[in-house]
Amino acid sequence: MAEQSRLERYKHLPPPIDPDELRASQDIDPPPPEEDDRYREMLWVVNRYG
């Protein structure tokens, strides 16, 4: 097998992406579990009916 140069080997890969460009509106952290209504309801049911 012929030895390929480093540039030839990785030529098919896309250029690297700047991590700052990857931030989007979907990246906002979800609220902590204490503030999540569904979580509070489930916790109440578990604590009440065990």
PDB file of N, CA and C in Angstrom:
ATOM      1  N   MET A   1       0.851  -1.192   0.000  1.00  0.00           N
ATOM      2  CA  MET A   1       0.000   0.000   0.000  1.00  0.00           C
ATOM      3  C   MET A   1       0.890   1.246   0.000  1.00  0.00           C
ATOM      4  N   ALA A   2       0.582   2.141  -0.897  1.00  0.00           N
ATOM      5  CA  ALA A   2       1.413   3.336  -1.028  1.00  0.00           C
ATOM      6  C   ALA A   2       1.174   4.276   0.154  1.00  0.00           C
ATOM      7  N   GLU A   3       2.239   4.882   0.627  1.00  0.00           N
ATOM      8  CA  GLU A   3       2.137   5.835   1.737  1.00  0.00           C
ATOM      9  C   GLU A   3       1.583   7.157   1.205  1.00  0.00           C
ATOM     10  N   GLN A   4       0.483   7.634   1.789  1.00  0.00           N
ATOM     11  CA  GLN A   4      -0.117   8.895   1.354  1.00  0.00           C
ATOM     12  C   GLN A   4       0.421  10.027   2.214  1.00  0.00           C
ATOM     13  N   SER A   5       0.505  11.189   1.599  1.00  0.00           N
ATOM     14  CA  SER A   5       0.909  12.341   2.395  1.00  0.00           C
ATOM     15  C   SER A   5      -0.245  12.731   3.319  1.00  0.00           C
ATOM     16  N   ARG A   6       0.072  13.462   4.356  1.00  0.00           N
ATOM     17  CA  ARG A   6      -0.941  13.838   5.344  1.00  0.00           C
ATOM     18  C   ARG A   6      -2.062  14.663   4.702  1.00  0.00           C
ATOM     19  N   LEU A   7      -1.722  15.581   3.791  1.00  0.00           N
ATOM     20  CA  LEU A   7      -2.749  16.412   3.159  1.00  0.00           C
ATOM     21  C   LEU A   7      -3.677  15.573   2.292  1.00  0.00           C
ATOM     22  N   GLU A   8      -3.116  14.616   1.559  1.00  0.00           N
ATOM     23  CA  GLU A   8      -3.959  13.786   0.701  1.00  0.00           C
ATOM     24  C   GLU A   8      -4.902  12.928   1.531  1.00  0.00           C
ATOM     25  N   ARG A   9      -4.403  12.436   2.649  1.00  0.00           N
ATOM     26  CA  ARG A   9      -5.210  11.535   3.466  1.00  0.00           C
ATOM     27  C   ARG A   9      -6.446  12.245   4.020  1.00  0.00           C
ATOM     28  N   TYR A  10      -6.314  13.533   4.388  1.00  0.00           N
ATOM     29  CA  TYR A  10      -7.418  14.244   5.024  1.00  0.00           C
ATOM     30  C   TYR A  10      -8.098  15.241   4.089  1.00  0.00           C
ATOM     31  N   LYS A  11      -7.819  15.136   2.792  1.00  0.00           N
ATOM     32  CA  LYS A  11      -8.375  16.100   1.843  1.00  0.00           C
ATOM     33  C   LYS A  11      -9.907  16.010   1.789  1.00  0.00           C
ATOM     34  N   HIS A  12     -10.469  14.829   1.999  1.00  0.00           N
ATOM     35  CA  HIS A  12     -11.917  14.652   1.870  1.00  0.00           C
ATOM     36  C   HIS A  12     -12.682  15.189   3.080  1.00  0.00           C
ATOM     37  N   LEU A  13     -11.993  15.549   4.161  1.00  0.00           N
ATOM     38  CA  LEU A  13     -12.673  16.052   5.350  1.00  0.00           C
ATOM     39  C   LEU A  13     -13.039  17.523   5.188  1.00  0.00           C
ATOM     40  N   PRO A  14     -14.165  17.947   5.767  1.00  0.00           N
ATOM     41  CA  PRO A  14     -14.515  19.372   5.703  1.00  0.00           C
ATOM     42  C   PRO A  14     -13.554  20.186   6.557  1.00  0.00           C
ATOM     43  N   PRO A  15     -13.486  21.483   6.326  1.00  0.00           N
ATOM     44  CA  PRO A  15     -12.591  22.318   7.135  1.00  0.00           C
ATOM     45  C   PRO A  15     -13.052  22.344   8.586  1.00  0.00           C
ATOM     46  N   PRO A  16     -12.152  22.578   9.518  1.00  0.00           N
ATOM     47  CA  PRO A  16     -12.554  22.621  10.929  1.00  0.00           C
ATOM     48  C   PRO A  16     -13.545  23.751  11.193  1.00  0.00           C
ATOM     49  N   ILE A  17     -14.397  23.548  12.189  1.00  0.00           N
ATOM     50  CA  ILE A  17     -15.439  24.521  12.526  1.00  0.00           C
ATOM     51  C   ILE A  17     -15.047  25.236  13.805  1.00  0.00           C
ATOM     52  N   ASP A  18     -15.250  26.540  13.803  1.00  0.00           N
ATOM     53  CA  ASP A  18     -14.979  27.332  14.997  1.00  0.00           C
ATOM     54  C   ASP A  18     -16.049  27.024  16.046  1.00  0.00           C
ATOM     55  N   PRO A  19     -15.670  26.585  17.240  1.00  0.00           N
ATOM     56  CA  PRO A  19     -16.684  26.204  18.243  1.00  0.00           C
ATOM     57  C   PRO A  19     -17.648  27.334  18.589  1.00  0.00           C
ATOM     58  N   ASP A  20     -17.214  28.583  18.486  1.00  0.00           N
ATOM     59  CA  ASP A  20     -18.113  29.692  18.809  1.00  0.00           C
ATOM     60  C   ASP A  20     -19.287  29.776  17.839  1.00  0.00           C
ATOM     61  N   GLU A  21     -19.094  29.277  16.611  1.00  0.00           N
ATOM     62  CA  GLU A  21     -20.180  29.322  15.632  1.00  0.00           C
ATOM     63  C   GLU A  21     -21.233  28.255  15.918  1.00  0.00           C
ATOM     64  N   LEU A  22     -20.918  27.269  16.740  1.00  0.00           N
ATOM     65  CA  LEU A  22     -21.847  26.180  16.989  1.00  0.00           C
ATOM     66  C   LEU A  22     -22.917  26.548  18.015  1.00  0.00           C
ATOM     67  N   ARG A  23     -22.709  27.618  18.774  1.00  0.00           N
ATOM     68  CA  ARG A  23     -23.710  28.022  19.759  1.00  0.00           C
ATOM     69  C   ARG A  23     -24.976  28.483  19.037  1.00  0.00           C
ATOM     70  N   ALA A  24     -26.103  28.030  19.511  1.00  0.00           N
ATOM     71  CA  ALA A  24     -27.372  28.381  18.885  1.00  0.00           C
ATOM     72  C   ALA A  24     -28.411  28.585  19.977  1.00  0.00           C
ATOM     73  N   SER A  25     -29.600  28.995  19.562  1.00  0.00           N
ATOM     74  CA  SER A  25     -30.652  29.235  20.556  1.00  0.00           C
ATOM     75  C   SER A  25     -31.039  27.944  21.268  1.00  0.00           C
ATOM     76  N   GLN A  26     -30.831  26.791  20.616  1.00  0.00           N
ATOM     77  CA  GLN A  26     -31.169  25.517  21.248  1.00  0.00           C
ATOM     78  C   GLN A  26     -30.186  25.150  22.350  1.00  0.00           C
ATOM     79  N   ASP A  27     -29.055  25.850  22.432  1.00  0.00           N
ATOM     80  CA  ASP A  27     -28.030  25.497  23.408  1.00  0.00           C
ATOM     81  C   ASP A  27     -28.307  26.065  24.796  1.00  0.00           C
ATOM     82  N   ILE A  28     -29.403  26.795  24.955  1.00  0.00           N
ATOM     83  CA  ILE A  28     -29.713  27.361  26.265  1.00  0.00           C
ATOM     84  C   ILE A  28     -29.995  26.212  27.226  1.00  0.00           C
ATOM     85  N   ASP A  29     -29.396  26.250  28.400  1.00  0.00           N
ATOM     86  CA  ASP A  29     -29.562  25.163  29.358  1.00  0.00           C
ATOM     87  C   ASP A  29     -31.017  25.084  29.817  1.00  0.00           C
ATOM     88  N   PRO A  30     -31.534  23.855  30.005  1.00  0.00           N
ATOM     89  CA  PRO A  30     -32.903  23.722  30.517  1.00  0.00           C
ATOM     90  C   PRO A  30     -32.974  24.200  31.961  1.00  0.00           C
ATOM     91  N   PRO A  31     -34.159  24.522  32.440  1.00  0.00           N
ATOM     92  CA  PRO A  31     -34.264  24.977  33.830  1.00  0.00           C
ATOM     93  C   PRO A  31     -33.856  23.857  34.784  1.00  0.00           C
ATOM     94  N   PRO A  32     -33.380  24.191  35.954  1.00  0.00           N
ATOM     95  CA  PRO A  32     -33.036  23.137  36.916  1.00  0.00           C
ATOM     96  C   PRO A  32     -34.277  22.324  37.278  1.00  0.00           C
ATOM     97  N   PRO A  33     -34.107  21.076  37.683  1.00  0.00           N
ATOM     98  CA  PRO A  33     -35.276  20.213  37.934  1.00  0.00           C
ATOM     99  C   PRO A  33     -36.274  20.813  38.915  1.00  0.00           C
ATOM    100  N   GLU A  34     -35.805  21.600  39.876  1.00  0.00           N
ATOM    101  CA  GLU A  34     -36.732  22.161  40.862  1.00  0.00           C
ATOM    102  C   GLU A  34     -37.727  23.115  40.215  1.00  0.00           C
ATOM    103  N   GLU A  35     -37.358  23.732  39.099  1.00  0.00           N
ATOM    104  CA  GLU A  35     -38.237  24.709  38.454  1.00  0.00           C
ATOM    105  C   GLU A  35     -39.062  24.096  37.328  1.00  0.00           C
ATOM    106  N   ASP A  36     -38.861  22.817  37.058  1.00  0.00           N
ATOM    107  CA  ASP A  36     -39.578  22.153  35.975  1.00  0.00           C
ATOM    108  C   ASP A  36     -40.895  21.607  36.532  1.00  0.00           C
ATOM    109  N   ASP A  37     -42.023  22.098  36.011  1.00  0.00           N
ATOM    110  CA  ASP A  37     -43.327  21.718  36.561  1.00  0.00           C
ATOM    111  C   ASP A  37     -43.587  20.217  36.455  1.00  0.00           C
ATOM    112  N   ARG A  38     -43.232  19.618  35.314  1.00  0.00           N
ATOM    113  CA  ARG A  38     -43.476  18.179  35.162  1.00  0.00           C
ATOM    114  C   ARG A  38     -42.687  17.391  36.202  1.00  0.00           C
ATOM    115  N   TYR A  39     -41.441  17.809  36.416  1.00  0.00           N
ATOM    116  CA  TYR A  39     -40.602  17.137  37.407  1.00  0.00           C
ATOM    117  C   TYR A  39     -41.216  17.291  38.794  1.00  0.00           C
ATOM    118  N   ARG A  40     -41.709  18.478  39.115  1.00  0.00           N
ATOM    119  CA  ARG A  40     -42.310  18.703  40.438  1.00  0.00           C
ATOM    120  C   ARG A  40     -43.556  17.852  40.618  1.00  0.00           C
ATOM    121  N   GLU A  41     -44.373  17.736  39.557  1.00  0.00           N
ATOM    122  CA  GLU A  41     -45.577  16.909  39.657  1.00  0.00           C
ATOM    123  C   GLU A  41     -45.219  15.445  39.868  1.00  0.00           C
ATOM    124  N   MET A  42     -44.263  14.936  39.101  1.00  0.00           N
ATOM    125  CA  MET A  42     -43.869  13.536  39.258  1.00  0.00           C
ATOM    126  C   MET A  42     -43.288  13.295  40.643  1.00  0.00           C
ATOM    127  N   LEU A  43     -42.489  14.245  41.126  1.00  0.00           N
ATOM    128  CA  LEU A  43     -41.898  14.106  42.451  1.00  0.00           C
ATOM    129  C   LEU A  43     -42.993  14.080  43.516  1.00  0.00           C
ATOM    130  N   TRP A  44     -44.028  14.905  43.333  1.00  0.00           N
ATOM    131  CA  TRP A  44     -45.132  14.928  44.291  1.00  0.00           C
ATOM    132  C   TRP A  44     -45.847  13.579  44.309  1.00  0.00           C
ATOM    133  N   VAL A  45     -46.096  13.018  43.111  1.00  0.00           N
ATOM    134  CA  VAL A  45     -46.785  11.725  43.025  1.00  0.00           C
ATOM    135  C   VAL A  45     -45.943  10.639  43.686  1.00  0.00           C
ATOM    136  N   VAL A  46     -44.652  10.625  43.404  1.00  0.00           N
ATOM    137  CA  VAL A  46     -43.777   9.604  43.983  1.00  0.00           C
ATOM    138  C   VAL A  46     -43.740   9.742  45.499  1.00  0.00           C
ATOM    139  N   ASN A  47     -43.636  10.978  45.990  1.00  0.00           N
ATOM    140  CA  ASN A  47     -43.573  11.174  47.436  1.00  0.00           C
ATOM    141  C   ASN A  47     -44.904  10.836  48.109  1.00  0.00           C
ATOM    142  N   ARG A  48     -46.016  11.087  47.412  1.00  0.00           N
ATOM    143  CA  ARG A  48     -47.325  10.857  48.026  1.00  0.00           C
ATOM    144  C   ARG A  48     -47.718   9.385  47.988  1.00  0.00           C
ATOM    145  N   TYR A  49     -47.511   8.752  46.827  1.00  0.00           N
ATOM    146  CA  TYR A  49     -47.993   7.378  46.665  1.00  0.00           C
ATOM    147  C   TYR A  49     -46.862   6.351  46.708  1.00  0.00           C
ATOM    148  N   GLY A  50     -45.609   6.818  46.699  1.00  0.00           N
ATOM    149  CA  GLY A  50     -44.434   5.970  46.853  1.00  0.00           C
ATOM    150  C   GLY A  50     -44.387   4.816  45.924  1.00  0.00           C
TER     151      GLY A  50
END
